[in-house]
Amino acid sequence: GQAYADTAAQKEKWGALRRIRRKVSQAVEETAGKSWYM
């Protein structure tokens, strides 16, 4: 039930805007392994 964009959809959405893709990647990397659910 979550929206999901695979790598191809992300490239189509942002095209050559690597800076934008990198920002999302950075947010995911900086929170890797963290969850509210216990």
PDB file of all heavy atoms in Angstrom:
ATOM      1  N   GLY A   1       0.782  -1.226   0.000  1.00  0.00           N
ATOM      2  CA  GLY A   1       0.000   0.000   0.000  1.00  0.00           C
ATOM      3  C   GLY A   1       0.815   1.280   0.000  1.00  0.00           C
ATOM      4  O   GLY A   1       0.259   2.353   0.147  1.00  0.00           O
ATOM      5  N   GLN A   2       2.113   1.198  -0.162  1.00  0.00           N
ATOM      6  CA  GLN A   2       2.929   2.409  -0.272  1.00  0.00           C
ATOM      7  C   GLN A   2       3.200   2.682  -1.745  1.00  0.00           C
ATOM      8  O   GLN A   2       3.378   1.758  -2.527  1.00  0.00           O
ATOM      9  CB  GLN A   2       4.264   2.236   0.457  1.00  0.00           C
ATOM     10  CG  GLN A   2       4.118   2.028   1.948  1.00  0.00           C
ATOM     11  CD  GLN A   2       5.450   2.052   2.663  1.00  0.00           C
ATOM     12  OE1 GLN A   2       5.847   3.065   3.164  1.00  0.00           O
ATOM     13  NE2 GLN A   2       6.127   0.909   2.706  1.00  0.00           N
ATOM     14  N   ALA A   3       3.223   3.951  -2.101  1.00  0.00           N
ATOM     15  CA  ALA A   3       3.620   4.300  -3.470  1.00  0.00           C
ATOM     16  C   ALA A   3       5.086   3.913  -3.619  1.00  0.00           C
ATOM     17  O   ALA A   3       5.858   3.964  -2.664  1.00  0.00           O
ATOM     18  CB  ALA A   3       3.437   5.793  -3.703  1.00  0.00           C
ATOM     19  N   TYR A   4       5.479   3.503  -4.812  1.00  0.00           N
ATOM     20  CA  TYR A   4       6.849   3.051  -5.028  1.00  0.00           C
ATOM     21  C   TYR A   4       7.278   3.431  -6.436  1.00  0.00           C
ATOM     22  O   TYR A   4       6.534   3.231  -7.396  1.00  0.00           O
ATOM     23  CB  TYR A   4       6.949   1.534  -4.841  1.00  0.00           C
ATOM     24  CG  TYR A   4       8.298   0.965  -5.188  1.00  0.00           C
ATOM     25  CD1 TYR A   4       9.372   1.125  -4.321  1.00  0.00           C
ATOM     26  CD2 TYR A   4       8.508   0.299  -6.382  1.00  0.00           C
ATOM     27  CE1 TYR A   4      10.611   0.616  -4.633  1.00  0.00           C
ATOM     28  CE2 TYR A   4       9.758  -0.220  -6.700  1.00  0.00           C
ATOM     29  CZ  TYR A   4      10.804  -0.056  -5.828  1.00  0.00           C
ATOM     30  OH  TYR A   4      12.038  -0.552  -6.134  1.00  0.00           O
ATOM     31  N   ALA A   5       8.461   4.002  -6.551  1.00  0.00           N
ATOM     32  CA  ALA A   5       9.033   4.329  -7.861  1.00  0.00           C
ATOM     33  C   ALA A   5      10.360   3.602  -7.985  1.00  0.00           C
ATOM     34  O   ALA A   5      11.287   3.870  -7.219  1.00  0.00           O
ATOM     35  CB  ALA A   5       9.235   5.836  -7.985  1.00  0.00           C
ATOM     36  N   ASP A   6      10.444   2.676  -8.931  1.00  0.00           N
ATOM     37  CA  ASP A   6      11.705   1.967  -9.111  1.00  0.00           C
ATOM     38  C   ASP A   6      12.738   2.907  -9.736  1.00  0.00           C
ATOM     39  O   ASP A   6      12.446   4.063 -10.042  1.00  0.00           O
ATOM     40  CB  ASP A   6      11.513   0.699  -9.941  1.00  0.00           C
ATOM     41  CG  ASP A   6      10.982   0.971 -11.336  1.00  0.00           C
ATOM     42  OD1 ASP A   6      11.007   2.133 -11.789  1.00  0.00           O
ATOM     43  OD2 ASP A   6      10.536   0.016 -11.988  1.00  0.00           O
ATOM     44  N   THR A   7      13.944   2.412  -9.933  1.00  0.00           N
ATOM     45  CA  THR A   7      15.030   3.246 -10.442  1.00  0.00           C
ATOM     46  C   THR A   7      14.681   3.874 -11.783  1.00  0.00           C
ATOM     47  O   THR A   7      14.948   5.055 -12.002  1.00  0.00           O
ATOM     48  CB  THR A   7      16.322   2.399 -10.571  1.00  0.00           C
ATOM     49  OG1 THR A   7      16.579   1.774  -9.305  1.00  0.00           O
ATOM     50  CG2 THR A   7      17.501   3.268 -10.945  1.00  0.00           C
ATOM     51  N   ALA A   8      14.054   3.107 -12.663  1.00  0.00           N
ATOM     52  CA  ALA A   8      13.678   3.650 -13.976  1.00  0.00           C
ATOM     53  C   ALA A   8      12.667   4.789 -13.829  1.00  0.00           C
ATOM     54  O   ALA A   8      12.771   5.819 -14.495  1.00  0.00           O
ATOM     55  CB  ALA A   8      13.106   2.539 -14.849  1.00  0.00           C
ATOM     56  N   ALA A   9      11.695   4.613 -12.942  1.00  0.00           N
ATOM     57  CA  ALA A   9      10.689   5.661 -12.728  1.00  0.00           C
ATOM     58  C   ALA A   9      11.322   6.905 -12.111  1.00  0.00           C
ATOM     59  O   ALA A   9      10.942   8.031 -12.449  1.00  0.00           O
ATOM     60  CB  ALA A   9       9.574   5.142 -11.834  1.00  0.00           C
ATOM     61  N   GLN A  10      12.301   6.713 -11.232  1.00  0.00           N
ATOM     62  CA  GLN A  10      12.987   7.852 -10.638  1.00  0.00           C
ATOM     63  C   GLN A  10      13.765   8.624 -11.704  1.00  0.00           C
ATOM     64  O   GLN A  10      13.728   9.853 -11.737  1.00  0.00           O
ATOM     65  CB  GLN A  10      13.943   7.389  -9.535  1.00  0.00           C
ATOM     66  CG  GLN A  10      13.252   6.829  -8.320  1.00  0.00           C
ATOM     67  CD  GLN A  10      14.229   6.245  -7.332  1.00  0.00           C
ATOM     68  OE1 GLN A  10      15.293   6.810  -7.076  1.00  0.00           O
ATOM     69  NE2 GLN A  10      13.896   5.090  -6.768  1.00  0.00           N
ATOM     70  N   LYS A  11      14.449   7.906 -12.587  1.00  0.00           N
ATOM     71  CA  LYS A  11      15.203   8.572 -13.654  1.00  0.00           C
ATOM     72  C   LYS A  11      14.266   9.306 -14.598  1.00  0.00           C
ATOM     73  O   LYS A  11      14.558  10.405 -15.055  1.00  0.00           O
ATOM     74  CB  LYS A  11      16.049   7.551 -14.416  1.00  0.00           C
ATOM     75  CG  LYS A  11      17.253   7.100 -13.633  1.00  0.00           C
ATOM     76  CD  LYS A  11      18.096   6.118 -14.417  1.00  0.00           C
ATOM     77  CE  LYS A  11      19.286   5.685 -13.581  1.00  0.00           C
ATOM     78  NZ  LYS A  11      20.099   4.669 -14.250  1.00  0.00           N
ATOM     79  N   GLU A  12      13.115   8.699 -14.872  1.00  0.00           N
ATOM     80  CA  GLU A  12      12.136   9.349 -15.743  1.00  0.00           C
ATOM     81  C   GLU A  12      11.575  10.602 -15.080  1.00  0.00           C
ATOM     82  O   GLU A  12      11.383  11.628 -15.717  1.00  0.00           O
ATOM     83  CB  GLU A  12      10.993   8.381 -16.065  1.00  0.00           C
ATOM     84  CG  GLU A  12       9.968   8.945 -17.019  1.00  0.00           C
ATOM     85  CD  GLU A  12       8.872   7.939 -17.310  1.00  0.00           C
ATOM     86  OE1 GLU A  12       9.192   6.743 -17.493  1.00  0.00           O
ATOM     87  OE2 GLU A  12       7.709   8.356 -17.347  1.00  0.00           O
ATOM     88  N   LYS A  13      11.345  10.525 -13.787  1.00  0.00           N
ATOM     89  CA  LYS A  13      10.775  11.644 -13.032  1.00  0.00           C
ATOM     90  C   LYS A  13      11.742  12.820 -12.956  1.00  0.00           C
ATOM     91  O   LYS A  13      11.352  13.963 -13.128  1.00  0.00           O
ATOM     92  CB  LYS A  13      10.413  11.162 -11.623  1.00  0.00           C
ATOM     93  CG  LYS A  13       9.751  12.192 -10.736  1.00  0.00           C
ATOM     94  CD  LYS A  13       9.367  11.549  -9.404  1.00  0.00           C
ATOM     95  CE  LYS A  13       8.674  12.504  -8.480  1.00  0.00           C
ATOM     96  NZ  LYS A  13       8.288  11.857  -7.225  1.00  0.00           N
ATOM     97  N   TRP A  14      13.026  12.535 -12.685  1.00  0.00           N
ATOM     98  CA  TRP A  14      13.981  13.604 -12.472  1.00  0.00           C
ATOM     99  C   TRP A  14      14.985  13.757 -13.603  1.00  0.00           C
ATOM    100  O   TRP A  14      15.778  14.699 -13.594  1.00  0.00           O
ATOM    101  CB  TRP A  14      14.737  13.388 -11.166  1.00  0.00           C
ATOM    102  CG  TRP A  14      13.839  13.440  -9.973  1.00  0.00           C
ATOM    103  CD1 TRP A  14      12.880  14.362  -9.714  1.00  0.00           C
ATOM    104  CD2 TRP A  14      13.811  12.530  -8.890  1.00  0.00           C
ATOM    105  NE1 TRP A  14      12.252  14.080  -8.532  1.00  0.00           N
ATOM    106  CE2 TRP A  14      12.803  12.957  -7.998  1.00  0.00           C
ATOM    107  CE3 TRP A  14      14.532  11.393  -8.566  1.00  0.00           C
ATOM    108  CZ2 TRP A  14      12.508  12.308  -6.821  1.00  0.00           C
ATOM    109  CZ3 TRP A  14      14.243  10.736  -7.385  1.00  0.00           C
ATOM    110  CH2 TRP A  14      13.239  11.194  -6.537  1.00  0.00           C
ATOM    111  N   GLY A  15      14.994  12.838 -14.542  1.00  0.00           N
ATOM    112  CA  GLY A  15      15.917  12.946 -15.664  1.00  0.00           C
ATOM    113  C   GLY A  15      17.361  13.007 -15.212  1.00  0.00           C
ATOM    114  O   GLY A  15      17.824  12.194 -14.435  1.00  0.00           O
ATOM    115  N   ALA A  16      18.060  14.014 -15.699  1.00  0.00           N
ATOM    116  CA  ALA A  16      19.485  14.146 -15.410  1.00  0.00           C
ATOM    117  C   ALA A  16      19.759  14.881 -14.100  1.00  0.00           C
ATOM    118  O   ALA A  16      20.884  15.230 -13.815  1.00  0.00           O
ATOM    119  CB  ALA A  16      20.160  14.879 -16.561  1.00  0.00           C
ATOM    120  N   LEU A  17      18.756  15.118 -13.310  1.00  0.00           N
ATOM    121  CA  LEU A  17      18.936  15.864 -12.065  1.00  0.00           C
ATOM    122  C   LEU A  17      19.512  14.962 -10.974  1.00  0.00           C
ATOM    123  O   LEU A  17      18.831  14.540 -10.053  1.00  0.00           O
ATOM    124  CB  LEU A  17      17.613  16.483 -11.605  1.00  0.00           C
ATOM    125  CG  LEU A  17      17.012  17.503 -12.549  1.00  0.00           C
ATOM    126  CD1 LEU A  17      15.654  17.955 -12.042  1.00  0.00           C
ATOM    127  CD2 LEU A  17      17.936  18.702 -12.697  1.00  0.00           C
ATOM    128  N   ARG A  18      20.777  14.647 -11.102  1.00  0.00           N
ATOM    129  CA  ARG A  18      21.444  13.771 -10.140  1.00  0.00           C
ATOM    130  C   ARG A  18      21.406  14.347  -8.732  1.00  0.00           C
ATOM    131  O   ARG A  18      21.339  13.626  -7.752  1.00  0.00           O
ATOM    132  CB  ARG A  18      22.893  13.539 -10.542  1.00  0.00           C
ATOM    133  CG  ARG A  18      23.050  12.558 -11.640  1.00  0.00           C
ATOM    134  CD  ARG A  18      24.494  12.257 -11.831  1.00  0.00           C
ATOM    135  NE  ARG A  18      24.613  11.098 -12.690  1.00  0.00           N
ATOM    136  CZ  ARG A  18      25.695  10.805 -13.352  1.00  0.00           C
ATOM    137  NH1 ARG A  18      26.749  11.572 -13.265  1.00  0.00           N
ATOM    138  NH2 ARG A  18      25.740   9.731 -14.101  1.00  0.00           N
ATOM    139  N   ARG A  19      21.454  15.668  -8.646  1.00  0.00           N
ATOM    140  CA  ARG A  19      21.437  16.335  -7.344  1.00  0.00           C
ATOM    141  C   ARG A  19      20.162  15.968  -6.584  1.00  0.00           C
ATOM    142  O   ARG A  19      20.188  15.709  -5.390  1.00  0.00           O
ATOM    143  CB  ARG A  19      21.518  17.847  -7.564  1.00  0.00           C
ATOM    144  CG  ARG A  19      21.437  18.678  -6.318  1.00  0.00           C
ATOM    145  CD  ARG A  19      21.594  20.169  -6.661  1.00  0.00           C
ATOM    146  NE  ARG A  19      20.698  20.630  -7.689  1.00  0.00           N
ATOM    147  CZ  ARG A  19      19.454  21.089  -7.467  1.00  0.00           C
ATOM    148  NH1 ARG A  19      18.980  21.102  -6.242  1.00  0.00           N
ATOM    149  NH2 ARG A  19      18.701  21.510  -8.453  1.00  0.00           N
ATOM    150  N   ILE A  20      19.031  15.912  -7.297  1.00  0.00           N
ATOM    151  CA  ILE A  20      17.752  15.577  -6.671  1.00  0.00           C
ATOM    152  C   ILE A  20      17.760  14.114  -6.216  1.00  0.00           C
ATOM    153  O   ILE A  20      17.393  13.796  -5.088  1.00  0.00           O
ATOM    154  CB  ILE A  20      16.581  15.815  -7.656  1.00  0.00           C
ATOM    155  CG1 ILE A  20      16.535  17.275  -8.086  1.00  0.00           C
ATOM    156  CG2 ILE A  20      15.269  15.363  -7.072  1.00  0.00           C
ATOM    157  CD1 ILE A  20      16.077  18.229  -7.035  1.00  0.00           C
ATOM    158  N   ARG A  21      18.191  13.217  -7.114  1.00  0.00           N
ATOM    159  CA  ARG A  21      18.246  11.801  -6.741  1.00  0.00           C
ATOM    160  C   ARG A  21      19.191  11.589  -5.567  1.00  0.00           C
ATOM    161  O   ARG A  21      18.933  10.797  -4.673  1.00  0.00           O
ATOM    162  CB  ARG A  21      18.694  10.946  -7.925  1.00  0.00           C
ATOM    163  CG  ARG A  21      17.585  10.710  -8.924  1.00  0.00           C
ATOM    164  CD  ARG A  21      18.014   9.737  -9.951  1.00  0.00           C
ATOM    165  NE  ARG A  21      19.116  10.343 -10.716  1.00  0.00           N
ATOM    166  CZ  ARG A  21      19.554   9.890 -11.872  1.00  0.00           C
ATOM    167  NH1 ARG A  21      19.034   8.835 -12.398  1.00  0.00           N
ATOM    168  NH2 ARG A  21      20.536  10.489 -12.496  1.00  0.00           N
ATOM    169  N   ARG A  22      20.280  12.315  -5.555  1.00  0.00           N
ATOM    170  CA  ARG A  22      21.268  12.182  -4.483  1.00  0.00           C
ATOM    171  C   ARG A  22      20.680  12.633  -3.141  1.00  0.00           C
ATOM    172  O   ARG A  22      20.983  12.064  -2.098  1.00  0.00           O
ATOM    173  CB  ARG A  22      22.519  13.004  -4.835  1.00  0.00           C
ATOM    174  CG  ARG A  22      23.618  12.892  -3.827  1.00  0.00           C
ATOM    175  CD  ARG A  22      24.216  11.479  -3.812  1.00  0.00           C
ATOM    176  NE  ARG A  22      24.936  11.299  -2.568  1.00  0.00           N
ATOM    177  CZ  ARG A  22      24.792  10.272  -1.755  1.00  0.00           C
ATOM    178  NH1 ARG A  22      24.001   9.287  -2.062  1.00  0.00           N
ATOM    179  NH2 ARG A  22      25.457  10.192  -0.644  1.00  0.00           N
ATOM    180  N   LYS A  23      19.840  13.654  -3.171  1.00  0.00           N
ATOM    181  CA  LYS A  23      19.240  14.157  -1.934  1.00  0.00           C
ATOM    182  C   LYS A  23      18.354  13.087  -1.295  1.00  0.00           C
ATOM    183  O   LYS A  23      18.404  12.867  -0.091  1.00  0.00           O
ATOM    184  CB  LYS A  23      18.431  15.425  -2.233  1.00  0.00           C
ATOM    185  CG  LYS A  23      17.898  16.107  -1.002  1.00  0.00           C
ATOM    186  CD  LYS A  23      17.206  17.405  -1.372  1.00  0.00           C
ATOM    187  CE  LYS A  23      16.593  18.067  -0.164  1.00  0.00           C
ATOM    188  NZ  LYS A  23      15.829  19.265  -0.506  1.00  0.00           N
ATOM    189  N   VAL A  24      17.562  12.407  -2.107  1.00  0.00           N
ATOM    190  CA  VAL A  24      16.711  11.331  -1.587  1.00  0.00           C
ATOM    191  C   VAL A  24      17.586  10.187  -1.080  1.00  0.00           C
ATOM    192  O   VAL A  24      17.351   9.651   0.002  1.00  0.00           O
ATOM    193  CB  VAL A  24      15.718  10.844  -2.662  1.00  0.00           C
ATOM    194  CG1 VAL A  24      14.960   9.619  -2.184  1.00  0.00           C
ATOM    195  CG2 VAL A  24      14.750  11.955  -3.035  1.00  0.00           C
ATOM    196  N   SER A  25      18.612   9.838  -1.840  1.00  0.00           N
ATOM    197  CA  SER A  25      19.524   8.772  -1.414  1.00  0.00           C
ATOM    198  C   SER A  25      20.182   9.113  -0.085  1.00  0.00           C
ATOM    199  O   SER A  25      20.312   8.257   0.793  1.00  0.00           O
ATOM    200  CB  SER A  25      20.622   8.558  -2.454  1.00  0.00           C
ATOM    201  OG  SER A  25      20.090   8.076  -3.640  1.00  0.00           O
ATOM    202  N   GLN A  26      20.590  10.357   0.069  1.00  0.00           N
ATOM    203  CA  GLN A  26      21.235  10.789   1.305  1.00  0.00           C
ATOM    204  C   GLN A  26      20.276  10.659   2.485  1.00  0.00           C
ATOM    205  O   GLN A  26      20.668  10.192   3.557  1.00  0.00           O
ATOM    206  CB  GLN A  26      21.715  12.235   1.173  1.00  0.00           C
ATOM    207  CG  GLN A  26      22.420  12.755   2.400  1.00  0.00           C
ATOM    208  CD  GLN A  26      22.831  14.206   2.265  1.00  0.00           C
ATOM    209  OE1 GLN A  26      22.782  14.790   1.198  1.00  0.00           O
ATOM    210  NE2 GLN A  26      23.235  14.804   3.378  1.00  0.00           N
ATOM    211  N   ALA A  27      19.019  11.046   2.298  1.00  0.00           N
ATOM    212  CA  ALA A  27      18.027  10.941   3.382  1.00  0.00           C
ATOM    213  C   ALA A  27      17.846   9.485   3.796  1.00  0.00           C
ATOM    214  O   ALA A  27      17.773   9.177   4.989  1.00  0.00           O
ATOM    215  CB  ALA A  27      16.701  11.546   2.935  1.00  0.00           C
ATOM    216  N   VAL A  28      17.795   8.591   2.821  1.00  0.00           N
ATOM    217  CA  VAL A  28      17.627   7.166   3.118  1.00  0.00           C
ATOM    218  C   VAL A  28      18.877   6.618   3.795  1.00  0.00           C
ATOM    219  O   VAL A  28      18.796   5.887   4.787  1.00  0.00           O
ATOM    220  CB  VAL A  28      17.278   6.381   1.837  1.00  0.00           C
ATOM    221  CG1 VAL A  28      17.285   4.889   2.096  1.00  0.00           C
ATOM    222  CG2 VAL A  28      15.922   6.830   1.301  1.00  0.00           C
ATOM    223  N   GLU A  29      20.045   6.981   3.296  1.00  0.00           N
ATOM    224  CA  GLU A  29      21.301   6.497   3.879  1.00  0.00           C
ATOM    225  C   GLU A  29      21.478   6.967   5.321  1.00  0.00           C
ATOM    226  O   GLU A  29      21.931   6.208   6.182  1.00  0.00           O
ATOM    227  CB  GLU A  29      22.492   6.971   3.047  1.00  0.00           C
ATOM    228  CG  GLU A  29      22.613   6.280   1.708  1.00  0.00           C
ATOM    229  CD  GLU A  29      23.636   6.939   0.788  1.00  0.00           C
ATOM    230  OE1 GLU A  29      24.419   7.808   1.261  1.00  0.00           O
ATOM    231  OE2 GLU A  29      23.646   6.612  -0.405  1.00  0.00           O
ATOM    232  N   GLU A  30      21.133   8.226   5.587  1.00  0.00           N
ATOM    233  CA  GLU A  30      21.329   8.775   6.930  1.00  0.00           C
ATOM    234  C   GLU A  30      20.355   8.188   7.961  1.00  0.00           C
ATOM    235  O   GLU A  30      20.581   8.320   9.152  1.00  0.00           O
ATOM    236  CB  GLU A  30      21.231  10.301   6.898  1.00  0.00           C
ATOM    237  CG  GLU A  30      22.431  10.945   6.225  1.00  0.00           C
ATOM    238  CD  GLU A  30      22.376  12.462   6.223  1.00  0.00           C
ATOM    239  OE1 GLU A  30      21.568  13.055   6.965  1.00  0.00           O
ATOM    240  OE2 GLU A  30      23.163  13.057   5.459  1.00  0.00           O
ATOM    241  N   THR A  31      19.286   7.566   7.481  1.00  0.00           N
ATOM    242  CA  THR A  31      18.335   6.937   8.406  1.00  0.00           C
ATOM    243  C   THR A  31      18.356   5.423   8.297  1.00  0.00           C
ATOM    244  O   THR A  31      17.514   4.751   8.875  1.00  0.00           O
ATOM    245  CB  THR A  31      16.897   7.429   8.123  1.00  0.00           C
ATOM    246  OG1 THR A  31      16.517   7.032   6.802  1.00  0.00           O
ATOM    247  CG2 THR A  31      16.780   8.925   8.285  1.00  0.00           C
ATOM    248  N   ALA A  32      19.323   4.879   7.574  1.00  0.00           N
ATOM    249  CA  ALA A  32      19.384   3.435   7.343  1.00  0.00           C
ATOM    250  C   ALA A  32      19.316   2.660   8.656  1.00  0.00           C
ATOM    251  O   ALA A  32      19.997   2.972   9.621  1.00  0.00           O
ATOM    252  CB  ALA A  32      20.657   3.075   6.595  1.00  0.00           C
ATOM    253  N   GLY A  33      18.435   1.670   8.691  1.00  0.00           N
ATOM    254  CA  GLY A  33      18.296   0.822   9.861  1.00  0.00           C
ATOM    255  C   GLY A  33      17.459   1.417  10.971  1.00  0.00           C
ATOM    256  O   GLY A  33      17.320   0.819  12.023  1.00  0.00           O
ATOM    257  N   LYS A  34      16.883   2.587  10.763  1.00  0.00           N
ATOM    258  CA  LYS A  34      16.085   3.225  11.807  1.00  0.00           C
ATOM    259  C   LYS A  34      14.603   3.086  11.510  1.00  0.00           C
ATOM    260  O   LYS A  34      14.170   3.210  10.381  1.00  0.00           O
ATOM    261  CB  LYS A  34      16.453   4.700  11.944  1.00  0.00           C
ATOM    262  CG  LYS A  34      17.860   4.871  12.459  1.00  0.00           C
ATOM    263  CD  LYS A  34      18.181   6.285  12.739  1.00  0.00           C
ATOM    264  CE  LYS A  34      19.603   6.350  13.281  1.00  0.00           C
ATOM    265  NZ  LYS A  34      20.040   7.702  13.498  1.00  0.00           N
ATOM    266  N   SER A  35      13.851   2.845  12.567  1.00  0.00           N
ATOM    267  CA  SER A  35      12.420   2.640  12.450  1.00  0.00           C
ATOM    268  C   SER A  35      11.767   3.026  13.765  1.00  0.00           C
ATOM    269  O   SER A  35      12.380   2.936  14.820  1.00  0.00           O
ATOM    270  CB  SER A  35      12.149   1.172  12.129  1.00  0.00           C
ATOM    271  OG  SER A  35      10.785   0.899  12.186  1.00  0.00           O
ATOM    272  N   TRP A  36      10.516   3.454  13.720  1.00  0.00           N
ATOM    273  CA  TRP A  36       9.778   3.761  14.938  1.00  0.00           C
ATOM    274  C   TRP A  36       9.171   2.499  15.529  1.00  0.00           C
ATOM    275  O   TRP A  36       8.813   2.461  16.687  1.00  0.00           O
ATOM    276  CB  TRP A  36       8.619   4.736  14.651  1.00  0.00           C
ATOM    277  CG  TRP A  36       9.101   6.108  14.455  1.00  0.00           C
ATOM    278  CD1 TRP A  36       9.302   6.743  13.269  1.00  0.00           C
ATOM    279  CD2 TRP A  36       9.441   7.062  15.460  1.00  0.00           C
ATOM    280  NE1 TRP A  36       9.747   8.007  13.473  1.00  0.00           N
ATOM    281  CE2 TRP A  36       9.838   8.228  14.805  1.00  0.00           C
ATOM    282  CE3 TRP A  36       9.465   7.021  16.836  1.00  0.00           C
ATOM    283  CZ2 TRP A  36      10.244   9.358  15.512  1.00  0.00           C
ATOM    284  CZ3 TRP A  36       9.855   8.146  17.525  1.00  0.00           C
ATOM    285  CH2 TRP A  36      10.246   9.290  16.860  1.00  0.00           C
ATOM    286  N   TYR A  37       9.042   1.484  14.730  1.00  0.00           N
ATOM    287  CA  TYR A  37       8.336   0.282  15.147  1.00  0.00           C
ATOM    288  C   TYR A  37       9.217  -0.582  16.030  1.00  0.00           C
ATOM    289  O   TYR A  37      10.328  -0.920  15.681  1.00  0.00           O
ATOM    290  CB  TYR A  37       7.912  -0.499  13.917  1.00  0.00           C
ATOM    291  CG  TYR A  37       7.232  -1.804  14.240  1.00  0.00           C
ATOM    292  CD1 TYR A  37       6.046  -1.810  14.942  1.00  0.00           C
ATOM    293  CD2 TYR A  37       7.766  -2.994  13.844  1.00  0.00           C
ATOM    294  CE1 TYR A  37       5.406  -2.991  15.236  1.00  0.00           C
ATOM    295  CE2 TYR A  37       7.144  -4.187  14.117  1.00  0.00           C
ATOM    296  CZ  TYR A  37       5.968  -4.178  14.813  1.00  0.00           C
ATOM    297  OH  TYR A  37       5.330  -5.335  15.110  1.00  0.00           O
ATOM    298  N   MET A  38       8.721  -0.903  17.171  1.00  0.00           N
ATOM    299  CA  MET A  38       9.408  -1.836  18.046  1.00  0.00           C
ATOM    300  C   MET A  38       8.416  -2.925  18.437  1.00  0.00           C
ATOM    301  O   MET A  38       7.253  -2.636  18.694  1.00  0.00           O
ATOM    302  CB  MET A  38       9.944  -1.129  19.298  1.00  0.00           C
ATOM    303  CG  MET A  38      11.065  -0.186  18.975  1.00  0.00           C
ATOM    304  SD  MET A  38      11.698   0.706  20.406  1.00  0.00           S
ATOM    305  CE  MET A  38      12.091  -0.578  21.539  1.00  0.00           C
TER     306      MET A  38
END
